[in-house]
Amino acid sequence: MKSTGIVRRIDELGRVVLPIELRRTMNLEVRDPVEIFKEGDAIVLRKYEAACLFCGDSHQLTVFRGKQICAECLRQLKES
């Protein structure tokens, strides 16, 4: 991970403001969904992109029982 040298405080509601420079670099707009992960002792934020539950592909997604599945994985499920 690359350090940006930017430090922000958590407010009383648990919020952290992401600096405009980072939002521009990551192409984050107001109301964009962001995923939150824990890796060891680090908190990682990543712009959310819908992906297939099985293979991680983000093309030709279909919702099946509330889960995103790509066309190829859906085809394989039908064959099995």
C-alpha atoms as a PDB file:
ATOM      1  CA  MET A   1       0.000   0.000   0.000  1.00  0.00           C
ATOM      2  CA  LYS A   2       1.258   3.469  -0.843  1.00  0.00           C
ATOM      3  CA  SER A   3       0.990   6.159   1.833  1.00  0.00           C
ATOM      4  CA  THR A   4      -0.540   9.480   0.784  1.00  0.00           C
ATOM      5  CA  GLY A   5       0.650  11.387   3.843  1.00  0.00           C
ATOM      6  CA  ILE A   6      -2.934  12.583   4.408  1.00  0.00           C
ATOM      7  CA  VAL A   7      -4.344  12.241   7.929  1.00  0.00           C
ATOM      8  CA  ARG A   8      -8.022  12.718   8.800  1.00  0.00           C
ATOM      9  CA  ARG A   9      -9.885  12.420  12.109  1.00  0.00           C
ATOM     10  CA  ILE A  10     -13.017  10.356  12.622  1.00  0.00           C
ATOM     11  CA  ASP A  11     -15.913  12.589  13.678  1.00  0.00           C
ATOM     12  CA  GLU A  12     -18.404  11.831  16.462  1.00  0.00           C
ATOM     13  CA  LEU A  13     -20.639   9.937  13.999  1.00  0.00           C
ATOM     14  CA  GLY A  14     -17.764   7.718  12.792  1.00  0.00           C
ATOM     15  CA  ARG A  15     -17.304   9.513   9.472  1.00  0.00           C
ATOM     16  CA  VAL A  16     -14.075  10.239   7.639  1.00  0.00           C
ATOM     17  CA  VAL A  17     -13.883  12.758   4.785  1.00  0.00           C
ATOM     18  CA  LEU A  18     -11.971  11.537   1.728  1.00  0.00           C
ATOM     19  CA  PRO A  19      -9.888  14.358   0.249  1.00  0.00           C
ATOM     20  CA  ILE A  20     -10.947  15.599  -3.187  1.00  0.00           C
ATOM     21  CA  GLU A  21      -7.551  14.619  -4.632  1.00  0.00           C
ATOM     22  CA  LEU A  22      -8.144  10.964  -3.717  1.00  0.00           C
ATOM     23  CA  ARG A  23     -11.736  11.031  -4.940  1.00  0.00           C
ATOM     24  CA  ARG A  24     -10.604  12.419  -8.292  1.00  0.00           C
ATOM     25  CA  THR A  25      -7.776   9.900  -8.576  1.00  0.00           C
ATOM     26  CA  MET A  26     -10.143   7.019  -7.824  1.00  0.00           C
ATOM     27  CA  ASN A  27     -12.952   8.469  -9.985  1.00  0.00           C
ATOM     28  CA  LEU A  28     -15.338   8.572  -7.010  1.00  0.00           C
ATOM     29  CA  GLU A  29     -18.423  10.731  -7.338  1.00  0.00           C
ATOM     30  CA  VAL A  30     -21.002  11.770  -4.759  1.00  0.00           C
ATOM     31  CA  ARG A  31     -23.218   8.779  -3.852  1.00  0.00           C
ATOM     32  CA  ASP A  32     -20.888   6.184  -5.459  1.00  0.00           C
ATOM     33  CA  PRO A  33     -20.923   2.907  -3.504  1.00  0.00           C
ATOM     34  CA  VAL A  34     -17.688   2.004  -1.706  1.00  0.00           C
ATOM     35  CA  GLU A  35     -16.761  -1.421  -0.296  1.00  0.00           C
ATOM     36  CA  ILE A  36     -15.050  -1.604   3.086  1.00  0.00           C
ATOM     37  CA  PHE A  37     -12.587  -4.415   3.880  1.00  0.00           C
ATOM     38  CA  LYS A  38     -10.388  -5.358   6.794  1.00  0.00           C
ATOM     39  CA  GLU A  39      -6.926  -6.657   5.862  1.00  0.00           C
ATOM     40  CA  GLY A  40      -4.868  -7.427   8.930  1.00  0.00           C
ATOM     41  CA  ASP A  41      -4.805  -4.211  10.926  1.00  0.00           C
ATOM     42  CA  ALA A  42      -5.766  -2.042   7.916  1.00  0.00           C
ATOM     43  CA  ILE A  43      -9.144  -0.749   6.714  1.00  0.00           C
ATOM     44  CA  VAL A  44      -9.359  -0.743   2.921  1.00  0.00           C
ATOM     45  CA  LEU A  45     -11.889   1.246   0.864  1.00  0.00           C
ATOM     46  CA  ARG A  46     -12.556   0.266  -2.743  1.00  0.00           C
ATOM     47  CA  LYS A  47     -14.988   1.635  -5.295  1.00  0.00           C
ATOM     48  CA  TYR A  48     -17.756  -0.955  -5.557  1.00  0.00           C
ATOM     49  CA  GLU A  49     -18.331  -2.680  -8.866  1.00  0.00           C
ATOM     50  CA  ALA A  50     -20.863  -5.462  -9.215  1.00  0.00           C
ATOM     51  CA  ALA A  51     -19.193  -8.784 -10.010  1.00  0.00           C
ATOM     52  CA  CYS A  52     -20.067 -12.442 -10.438  1.00  0.00           C
ATOM     53  CA  LEU A  53     -20.348 -14.322  -7.158  1.00  0.00           C
ATOM     54  CA  PHE A  54     -18.339 -17.234  -8.565  1.00  0.00           C
ATOM     55  CA  CYS A  55     -15.659 -15.867 -10.913  1.00  0.00           C
ATOM     56  CA  GLY A  56     -15.562 -12.118 -10.223  1.00  0.00           C
ATOM     57  CA  ASP A  57     -16.339 -11.134 -13.832  1.00  0.00           C
ATOM     58  CA  SER A  58     -18.283  -7.890 -14.188  1.00  0.00           C
ATOM     59  CA  HIS A  59     -19.765  -8.448 -17.677  1.00  0.00           C
ATOM     60  CA  GLN A  60     -23.257  -9.709 -18.560  1.00  0.00           C
ATOM     61  CA  LEU A  61     -24.471 -10.023 -14.971  1.00  0.00           C
ATOM     62  CA  THR A  62     -27.813 -11.527 -14.018  1.00  0.00           C
ATOM     63  CA  VAL A  63     -29.399 -11.445 -10.588  1.00  0.00           C
ATOM     64  CA  PHE A  64     -30.332 -14.898  -9.277  1.00  0.00           C
ATOM     65  CA  ARG A  65     -31.863 -15.090  -5.794  1.00  0.00           C
ATOM     66  CA  GLY A  66     -30.329 -11.730  -4.928  1.00  0.00           C
ATOM     67  CA  LYS A  67     -26.807 -12.653  -6.129  1.00  0.00           C
ATOM     68  CA  GLN A  68     -24.944 -11.416  -9.223  1.00  0.00           C
ATOM     69  CA  ILE A  69     -23.934 -14.210 -11.634  1.00  0.00           C
ATOM     70  CA  CYS A  70     -22.263 -13.784 -15.044  1.00  0.00           C
ATOM     71  CA  ALA A  71     -23.636 -15.420 -18.190  1.00  0.00           C
ATOM     72  CA  GLU A  72     -20.830 -18.017 -18.355  1.00  0.00           C
ATOM     73  CA  CYS A  73     -21.255 -19.187 -14.748  1.00  0.00           C
ATOM     74  CA  LEU A  74     -25.035 -19.284 -15.214  1.00  0.00           C
ATOM     75  CA  ARG A  75     -24.555 -21.446 -18.315  1.00  0.00           C
ATOM     76  CA  GLN A  76     -22.262 -23.802 -16.363  1.00  0.00           C
ATOM     77  CA  LEU A  77     -24.794 -24.033 -13.531  1.00  0.00           C
ATOM     78  CA  LYS A  78     -27.557 -24.972 -15.962  1.00  0.00           C
ATOM     79  CA  GLU A  79     -25.370 -27.723 -17.441  1.00  0.00           C
ATOM     80  CA  SER A  80     -24.540 -29.316 -14.095  1.00  0.00           C
END
